[in-house]
Amino acid sequence: TVDPGDTFTALGQGILAVLIQIGGLGVAAVGTGVIFAIGKRIDLGGRKILKEAMNLDSGKGIVRFLKSVFITTFLIEGAGAILCFPVFVRQYPVPKAIGLSLFHSIASFNNSGFDVFGGGQSLIPYQDHVYLNLVTCALVILGGIGFLVIHEVLEKRFSMHTKIVLSVSAVLILGGTILLKLTENVSFLGAFFFSVSSRTAGFASYPLSGFSKAGILTIIVLMFIGASPGSTGGGIKTTTFFALLQGIKSAATNKVEKAFHYSLPVSAFRKAAVITVIGLGVVLTSTYLLVILEPELGFMDALFEMVSAFGTVGLSTGITGSLGTQAKLLSIIIMFIGRLGPLTIASLWYFSRGERVRYPEGTLAIG
């Protein structure tokens, strides 16, 4: 609701960077890191929580994997800061350029979209800077594909999960770029940047207030799908979107759900459907409440705001700062739900022990 660069001191910006880092890595992972730092061991219950938090199939080697997550994160963010420094040092004193480089790298890799440049313009002043745009996109993509995928790519070991994440991410980026270029008066670089950033990063290289309804709708869809499991981003996730499409295709063609010479898990479509429906329910309910609280808002602006909050993206058509206290609290709640994830919410009842007794099946006309 305020510009961090104009509002916060260096200490405040540092605290913001730490919070972004914790949010990106996940509270469970950071908490475990603190336990390691003080020389304690992780019990079986803690390992189970970590397995779920990191979206791993088993708890085998989870401590070693978590250590690699921290090392990978700091190496990528360090490299990102080094690559950004030559850009910022041309405009700012060296200490300020170092701070900007570190903050921008952390914000990019953790898909937060915050900036401390000041002026409330995000990356609009750098919309034609090819180098900075590509470095930012690379950091966003690495943060969005998930630590498990990064780990497997480095080991040159590609599971079905990794192949699906990489292929769906590529299709979404390419498709988003084409659609945004067709609907908006932006360069190919701008369309590519928005296609990458919209999926949870939240940086803007052009003002969204000038976008057409078609462009806004494209970004809404990208924000809702979001990043990948075990990543620093939000949304329903790329694998959920893939499993949903495969399930629909299987039902329509009466063929087995499969990908890359593997059959999808039997429960994949069911989980994907639950996650998607809950996500849609959260977005539609929050949009309904927002237009009641702020009746002067346009519907597309309100929908965009709530999808952005649910996907933990941070993009806005410019209405965030003018929202009332109740509307801001609503946004906070939706961001909190979005960061927990629909699967976490669904697990409150969906993955509990089933009923022992069942009624006989009835008949129901569908469609």
Protein backbone atom coordinates (compact mmCIF):
# COMPACT_ATOMS: atom_id res chain seq x y z
CA THR A 1 0.00 0.00 0.00
CA VAL A 2 3.07 2.24 0.18
CA ASP A 3 6.27 2.36 -1.83
CA PRO A 4 9.04 0.58 0.16
CA GLY A 5 11.80 2.68 -1.39
CA ASP A 6 10.17 5.98 -0.44
CA THR A 7 8.71 4.90 2.89
CA PHE A 8 11.12 2.57 4.70
CA THR A 9 14.59 3.24 6.07
CA ALA A 10 17.53 0.99 5.21
CA LEU A 11 16.73 -1.04 8.34
CA GLY A 12 13.09 -1.36 7.30
CA GLN A 13 14.09 -2.49 3.82
CA GLY A 14 16.46 -5.03 5.39
CA ILE A 15 13.64 -6.42 7.56
CA LEU A 16 11.44 -6.61 4.46
CA ALA A 17 14.16 -8.57 2.64
CA VAL A 18 14.42 -11.03 5.55
CA LEU A 19 10.63 -11.53 5.55
CA ILE A 20 10.68 -12.10 1.78
CA GLN A 21 13.42 -14.70 2.25
CA ILE A 22 11.50 -16.51 5.00
CA GLY A 23 8.32 -16.42 2.93
CA GLY A 24 10.07 -17.81 -0.13
CA LEU A 25 11.90 -20.64 1.62
CA GLY A 26 8.93 -21.45 3.83
CA VAL A 27 8.55 -21.18 7.58
CA ALA A 28 9.14 -24.93 8.07
CA ALA A 29 12.41 -24.86 6.14
CA VAL A 30 13.69 -21.72 7.89
CA GLY A 31 12.67 -23.06 11.30
CA THR A 32 14.56 -26.28 10.60
CA GLY A 33 17.58 -24.26 9.50
CA VAL A 34 17.56 -22.46 12.85
CA ILE A 35 17.40 -25.84 14.65
CA PHE A 36 20.43 -27.01 12.66
CA ALA A 37 22.27 -23.78 13.47
CA ILE A 38 21.93 -24.31 17.21
CA GLY A 39 23.10 -27.92 16.94
CA LYS A 40 19.81 -29.74 17.49
CA ARG A 41 18.50 -32.80 15.64
CA ILE A 42 15.23 -33.18 13.72
CA ASP A 43 12.87 -35.88 15.00
CA LEU A 44 10.58 -38.03 12.83
CA GLY A 45 7.64 -35.66 13.29
CA GLY A 46 9.74 -32.74 12.09
CA ARG A 47 10.92 -34.71 9.08
CA LYS A 48 7.32 -35.52 8.15
CA ILE A 49 6.39 -31.83 8.31
CA LEU A 50 9.38 -30.96 6.13
CA LYS A 51 8.44 -33.64 3.61
CA GLU A 52 4.98 -32.13 3.22
CA ALA A 53 6.26 -28.54 3.19
CA MET A 54 8.83 -29.27 0.48
CA ASN A 55 6.41 -31.44 -1.56
CA LEU A 56 8.67 -34.49 -1.47
CA ASP A 57 7.56 -38.09 -2.07
CA SER A 58 9.43 -39.48 0.93
CA GLY A 59 11.41 -38.37 3.93
CA LYS A 60 14.55 -40.14 2.74
CA GLY A 61 17.53 -37.79 2.58
CA ILE A 62 15.37 -34.81 3.55
CA VAL A 63 18.00 -33.21 5.80
CA ARG A 64 20.58 -33.37 3.01
CA PHE A 65 18.00 -31.99 0.56
CA LEU A 66 17.16 -29.10 2.90
CA LYS A 67 20.82 -28.17 3.22
CA SER A 68 21.08 -28.13 -0.58
CA VAL A 69 18.03 -25.83 -0.68
CA PHE A 70 19.78 -23.26 1.51
CA ILE A 71 23.05 -23.52 -0.41
CA THR A 72 21.26 -23.28 -3.79
CA THR A 73 19.21 -20.29 -2.64
CA PHE A 74 22.17 -18.27 -1.43
CA LEU A 75 24.30 -19.15 -4.46
CA ILE A 76 21.57 -18.11 -6.92
CA GLU A 77 20.74 -14.93 -4.99
CA GLY A 78 24.43 -14.08 -4.68
CA ALA A 79 24.96 -14.59 -8.41
CA GLY A 80 21.85 -12.51 -9.12
CA ALA A 81 23.12 -9.65 -6.97
CA ILE A 82 26.51 -9.73 -8.73
CA LEU A 83 24.81 -9.63 -12.14
CA CYS A 84 22.54 -6.73 -11.12
CA PHE A 85 25.31 -4.63 -9.57
CA PRO A 86 26.80 -3.28 -12.86
CA VAL A 87 23.35 -1.90 -13.78
CA PHE A 88 22.67 -0.09 -10.51
CA VAL A 89 26.19 1.18 -9.86
CA ARG A 90 25.86 3.44 -12.92
CA GLN A 91 23.03 5.35 -11.23
CA TYR A 92 23.69 5.03 -7.50
CA PRO A 93 26.64 5.23 -5.08
CA VAL A 94 28.39 1.90 -4.48
CA PRO A 95 26.82 1.16 -1.03
CA LYS A 96 23.33 1.96 -2.38
CA ALA A 97 23.96 -0.11 -5.53
CA ILE A 98 25.03 -3.09 -3.40
CA GLY A 99 21.86 -2.82 -1.32
CA LEU A 100 19.65 -2.51 -4.38
CA SER A 101 21.34 -5.49 -6.05
CA LEU A 102 20.90 -7.73 -3.01
CA PHE A 103 17.29 -6.69 -2.44
CA HIS A 104 16.34 -7.07 -6.09
CA SER A 105 17.95 -10.51 -6.31
CA ILE A 106 16.17 -11.73 -3.16
CA ALA A 107 12.84 -10.25 -4.28
CA SER A 108 13.20 -11.80 -7.75
CA PHE A 109 14.22 -15.31 -6.71
CA ASN A 110 11.58 -15.41 -3.97
CA ASN A 111 8.92 -14.16 -6.41
CA SER A 112 7.86 -11.26 -4.18
CA GLY A 113 7.90 -8.36 -6.65
CA PHE A 114 8.90 -5.73 -4.08
CA ASP A 115 11.38 -3.06 -5.10
CA VAL A 116 13.17 -0.27 -3.24
CA PHE A 117 13.92 2.00 -6.20
CA GLY A 118 11.37 4.56 -5.02
CA GLY A 119 8.79 6.42 -7.07
CA GLY A 120 6.32 3.52 -7.08
CA GLN A 121 7.22 2.54 -10.66
CA SER A 122 8.61 -0.97 -10.12
CA LEU A 123 10.78 -1.77 -13.19
CA ILE A 124 9.05 0.65 -15.56
CA PRO A 125 12.20 2.85 -15.81
CA TYR A 126 14.09 -0.27 -16.97
CA GLN A 127 11.49 -1.56 -19.45
CA ASP A 128 13.95 -1.34 -22.35
CA HIS A 129 16.97 -2.61 -20.41
CA VAL A 130 17.36 -6.05 -21.99
CA TYR A 131 20.10 -7.24 -19.63
CA LEU A 132 18.29 -6.42 -16.36
CA ASN A 133 14.99 -7.77 -17.70
CA LEU A 134 16.57 -11.09 -18.63
CA VAL A 135 18.48 -11.41 -15.33
CA THR A 136 15.28 -10.69 -13.40
CA CYS A 137 13.32 -13.21 -15.48
CA ALA A 138 15.99 -15.87 -14.93
CA LEU A 139 15.83 -15.36 -11.15
CA VAL A 140 12.02 -15.45 -11.18
CA ILE A 141 11.92 -18.64 -13.28
CA LEU A 142 14.49 -20.39 -11.06
CA GLY A 143 12.52 -19.47 -7.97
CA GLY A 144 9.24 -20.51 -9.58
CA ILE A 145 10.14 -24.00 -10.83
CA GLY A 146 10.85 -25.32 -7.35
CA PHE A 147 13.88 -26.57 -5.44
CA LEU A 148 13.25 -30.21 -6.33
CA VAL A 149 13.38 -29.39 -10.04
CA ILE A 150 16.56 -27.32 -9.65
CA HIS A 151 18.10 -30.17 -7.66
CA GLU A 152 17.25 -32.77 -10.32
CA VAL A 153 18.39 -30.57 -13.21
CA LEU A 154 21.78 -30.05 -11.51
CA GLU A 155 22.08 -33.81 -11.08
CA LYS A 156 20.94 -34.35 -14.71
CA ARG A 157 18.12 -36.55 -13.43
CA PHE A 158 14.69 -35.75 -14.88
CA SER A 159 11.70 -37.33 -13.16
CA MET A 160 8.14 -37.06 -14.51
CA HIS A 161 7.54 -34.19 -12.08
CA THR A 162 10.52 -32.22 -13.38
CA LYS A 163 9.60 -32.81 -17.01
CA ILE A 164 6.01 -31.65 -16.41
CA VAL A 165 7.10 -28.54 -14.48
CA LEU A 166 9.61 -27.50 -17.14
CA SER A 167 7.31 -28.18 -20.09
CA VAL A 168 4.21 -26.51 -18.57
CA SER A 169 6.26 -23.52 -17.43
CA ALA A 170 7.70 -23.13 -20.94
CA VAL A 171 4.24 -23.37 -22.56
CA LEU A 172 2.76 -20.81 -20.14
CA ILE A 173 5.64 -18.38 -20.66
CA LEU A 174 5.50 -18.71 -24.45
CA GLY A 175 1.70 -18.59 -24.58
CA GLY A 176 1.53 -15.61 -22.25
CA THR A 177 4.15 -13.76 -24.28
CA ILE A 178 2.23 -14.27 -27.53
CA LEU A 179 -1.16 -13.29 -26.07
CA LEU A 180 0.19 -10.17 -24.35
CA LYS A 181 2.04 -9.09 -27.48
CA LEU A 182 -1.15 -9.51 -29.53
CA THR A 183 -3.32 -7.54 -27.10
CA GLU A 184 -0.99 -4.84 -25.73
CA ASN A 185 1.19 -2.09 -27.13
CA VAL A 186 4.38 -3.48 -25.59
CA SER A 187 7.64 -4.80 -26.95
CA PHE A 188 8.35 -8.53 -27.20
CA LEU A 189 10.70 -8.06 -24.23
CA GLY A 190 7.87 -6.43 -22.26
CA ALA A 191 5.42 -9.21 -23.17
CA PHE A 192 7.97 -11.88 -22.19
CA PHE A 193 8.75 -10.11 -18.93
CA PHE A 194 5.07 -9.83 -17.97
CA SER A 195 4.43 -13.45 -18.93
CA VAL A 196 7.19 -14.53 -16.52
CA SER A 197 6.45 -12.00 -13.78
CA SER A 198 2.67 -12.49 -13.74
CA ARG A 199 2.93 -16.07 -12.58
CA THR A 200 3.78 -14.87 -9.02
CA ALA A 201 6.73 -12.46 -9.15
CA GLY A 202 4.74 -9.22 -9.35
CA PHE A 203 7.25 -6.94 -11.09
CA ALA A 204 5.86 -4.58 -13.72
CA SER A 205 7.76 -3.07 -16.62
CA TYR A 206 4.68 -1.26 -18.01
CA PRO A 207 1.78 0.39 -16.10
CA LEU A 208 -1.12 -2.06 -15.88
CA SER A 209 -3.62 0.80 -15.89
CA GLY A 210 -3.03 1.07 -19.63
CA PHE A 211 -3.66 -2.61 -20.39
CA SER A 212 -6.73 -3.80 -22.28
CA LYS A 213 -9.32 -6.11 -20.69
CA ALA A 214 -7.95 -8.97 -22.80
CA GLY A 215 -4.44 -8.38 -21.46
CA ILE A 216 -5.71 -8.10 -17.88
CA LEU A 217 -7.62 -11.38 -18.30
CA THR A 218 -4.48 -13.09 -19.63
CA ILE A 219 -2.52 -11.95 -16.58
CA ILE A 220 -5.34 -13.07 -14.25
CA VAL A 221 -5.16 -16.60 -15.68
CA LEU A 222 -1.35 -16.67 -15.36
CA MET A 223 -1.55 -15.42 -11.76
CA PHE A 224 -4.14 -18.03 -10.83
CA ILE A 225 -2.05 -20.91 -12.21
CA GLY A 226 1.08 -19.56 -10.57
CA ALA A 227 4.41 -21.30 -10.01
CA SER A 228 5.31 -24.93 -9.27
CA PRO A 229 5.16 -27.09 -6.11
CA GLY A 230 7.99 -26.65 -3.63
CA SER A 231 8.88 -23.26 -5.10
CA THR A 232 8.92 -19.71 -3.76
CA GLY A 233 5.72 -18.82 -5.69
CA GLY A 234 1.98 -19.21 -5.21
CA GLY A 235 -1.10 -20.05 -7.28
CA ILE A 236 -2.70 -23.47 -7.78
CA LYS A 237 0.62 -24.61 -9.32
CA THR A 238 1.63 -25.79 -12.79
CA THR A 239 1.37 -29.49 -11.95
CA THR A 240 -2.20 -29.01 -10.69
CA PHE A 241 -3.11 -27.31 -13.96
CA PHE A 242 -1.49 -30.14 -15.94
CA ALA A 243 -3.21 -32.90 -13.93
CA LEU A 244 -6.55 -31.12 -14.34
CA LEU A 245 -6.17 -30.93 -18.14
CA GLN A 246 -5.04 -34.55 -18.32
CA GLY A 247 -8.01 -35.67 -16.24
CA ILE A 248 -10.45 -33.80 -18.47
CA LYS A 249 -8.75 -35.23 -21.56
CA SER A 250 -8.92 -38.74 -20.10
CA ALA A 251 -12.63 -38.42 -19.32
CA ALA A 252 -13.36 -37.07 -22.81
CA THR A 253 -11.30 -39.64 -24.73
CA ASN A 254 -11.54 -42.62 -22.34
CA LYS A 255 -7.76 -42.94 -22.30
CA VAL A 256 -5.36 -43.31 -19.37
CA GLU A 257 -3.89 -40.13 -17.85
CA LYS A 258 -0.23 -40.23 -18.83
CA ALA A 259 2.80 -38.05 -19.50
CA PHE A 260 6.38 -38.73 -20.61
CA HIS A 261 5.82 -42.52 -20.69
CA TYR A 262 4.44 -42.55 -17.13
CA SER A 263 0.88 -42.90 -15.87
CA LEU A 264 -0.26 -40.12 -13.57
CA PRO A 265 -1.13 -41.13 -10.00
CA VAL A 266 -4.74 -42.25 -9.61
CA SER A 267 -5.49 -39.46 -7.12
CA ALA A 268 -3.82 -36.68 -9.16
CA PHE A 269 -6.94 -35.50 -11.01
CA ARG A 270 -9.08 -35.65 -7.88
CA LYS A 271 -6.60 -33.56 -5.88
CA ALA A 272 -6.16 -31.12 -8.77
CA ALA A 273 -9.93 -30.67 -9.06
CA VAL A 274 -10.27 -30.03 -5.32
CA ILE A 275 -7.40 -27.51 -5.33
CA THR A 276 -8.76 -25.68 -8.38
CA VAL A 277 -12.34 -25.51 -7.08
CA ILE A 278 -11.19 -24.27 -3.67
CA GLY A 279 -8.95 -21.69 -5.37
CA LEU A 280 -11.83 -20.48 -7.54
CA GLY A 281 -14.08 -20.39 -4.49
CA VAL A 282 -11.59 -18.26 -2.54
CA VAL A 283 -11.12 -15.85 -5.48
CA LEU A 284 -14.82 -15.46 -6.29
CA THR A 285 -15.88 -15.10 -2.63
CA SER A 286 -13.16 -12.52 -1.92
CA THR A 287 -14.01 -10.58 -5.08
CA TYR A 288 -17.68 -10.54 -4.04
CA LEU A 289 -16.73 -9.22 -0.59
CA LEU A 290 -14.36 -6.63 -2.08
CA VAL A 291 -16.98 -5.11 -4.39
CA ILE A 292 -19.33 -4.91 -1.40
CA LEU A 293 -16.71 -3.18 0.73
CA GLU A 294 -15.54 -0.94 -2.14
CA PRO A 295 -18.62 -0.48 -4.41
CA GLU A 296 -16.88 2.16 -6.55
CA LEU A 297 -14.35 -0.38 -7.85
CA GLY A 298 -14.71 -1.85 -11.32
CA PHE A 299 -15.28 -5.60 -11.42
CA MET A 300 -12.09 -6.38 -13.38
CA ASP A 301 -10.00 -4.29 -10.97
CA ALA A 302 -11.50 -6.11 -7.97
CA LEU A 303 -11.05 -9.55 -9.56
CA PHE A 304 -7.47 -8.74 -10.54
CA GLU A 305 -6.71 -7.56 -6.99
CA MET A 306 -8.03 -10.73 -5.36
CA VAL A 307 -6.39 -13.14 -7.83
CA SER A 308 -3.13 -11.26 -7.28
CA ALA A 309 -3.55 -11.66 -3.52
CA PHE A 310 -4.44 -15.36 -3.79
CA GLY A 311 -1.44 -16.03 -6.04
CA THR A 312 0.80 -13.93 -3.74
CA VAL A 313 1.78 -11.97 -6.84
CA GLY A 314 1.54 -8.34 -5.79
CA LEU A 315 0.55 -6.86 -9.15
CA SER A 316 -2.20 -4.25 -9.08
CA THR A 317 -4.09 -2.06 -11.51
CA GLY A 318 -3.39 0.82 -9.12
CA ILE A 319 -6.20 0.46 -6.58
CA THR A 320 -4.33 -1.09 -3.64
CA GLY A 321 -3.29 2.16 -2.00
CA SER A 322 -6.83 3.55 -2.08
CA LEU A 323 -8.49 0.54 -0.44
CA GLY A 324 -10.14 1.00 2.94
CA THR A 325 -9.03 -0.78 6.11
CA GLN A 326 -11.55 -3.62 5.78
CA ALA A 327 -10.58 -4.25 2.16
CA LYS A 328 -6.89 -4.29 3.09
CA LEU A 329 -7.60 -6.82 5.85
CA LEU A 330 -9.47 -8.93 3.29
CA SER A 331 -6.41 -8.83 1.02
CA ILE A 332 -4.19 -9.90 3.93
CA ILE A 333 -6.44 -12.89 4.66
CA ILE A 334 -6.47 -13.96 1.00
CA MET A 335 -2.67 -13.61 0.78
CA PHE A 336 -2.35 -15.76 3.89
CA ILE A 337 -4.65 -18.42 2.39
CA GLY A 338 -2.76 -18.25 -0.90
CA ARG A 339 0.60 -18.76 0.81
CA LEU A 340 -0.71 -21.73 2.80
CA GLY A 341 -2.08 -23.16 -0.44
CA PRO A 342 -5.42 -24.73 -1.35
CA LEU A 343 -3.96 -28.21 -0.72
CA THR A 344 -3.26 -27.32 2.92
CA ILE A 345 -6.80 -26.02 3.31
CA ALA A 346 -8.24 -29.08 1.57
CA SER A 347 -6.24 -31.41 3.82
CA LEU A 348 -8.28 -30.21 6.80
CA TRP A 349 -11.02 -32.59 5.71
CA TYR A 350 -10.28 -34.09 2.30
CA PHE A 351 -7.34 -36.29 3.30
CA SER A 352 -8.79 -37.46 6.60
CA ARG A 353 -9.71 -41.09 7.26
CA GLY A 354 -12.65 -42.17 5.14
CA GLU A 355 -16.01 -43.32 6.46
CA ARG A 356 -16.46 -47.00 7.30
CA VAL A 357 -20.08 -47.16 6.22
CA ARG A 358 -21.32 -46.05 2.80
CA TYR A 359 -24.79 -45.59 1.37
CA PRO A 360 -25.76 -47.51 -1.80
CA GLU A 361 -25.06 -45.60 -5.00
CA GLY A 362 -27.93 -43.56 -6.44
CA THR A 363 -28.45 -42.32 -9.97
CA LEU A 364 -27.56 -38.77 -11.02
CA ALA A 365 -27.76 -37.14 -14.45
CA ILE A 366 -24.61 -35.15 -15.24
CA GLY A 367 -24.31 -32.56 -18.01
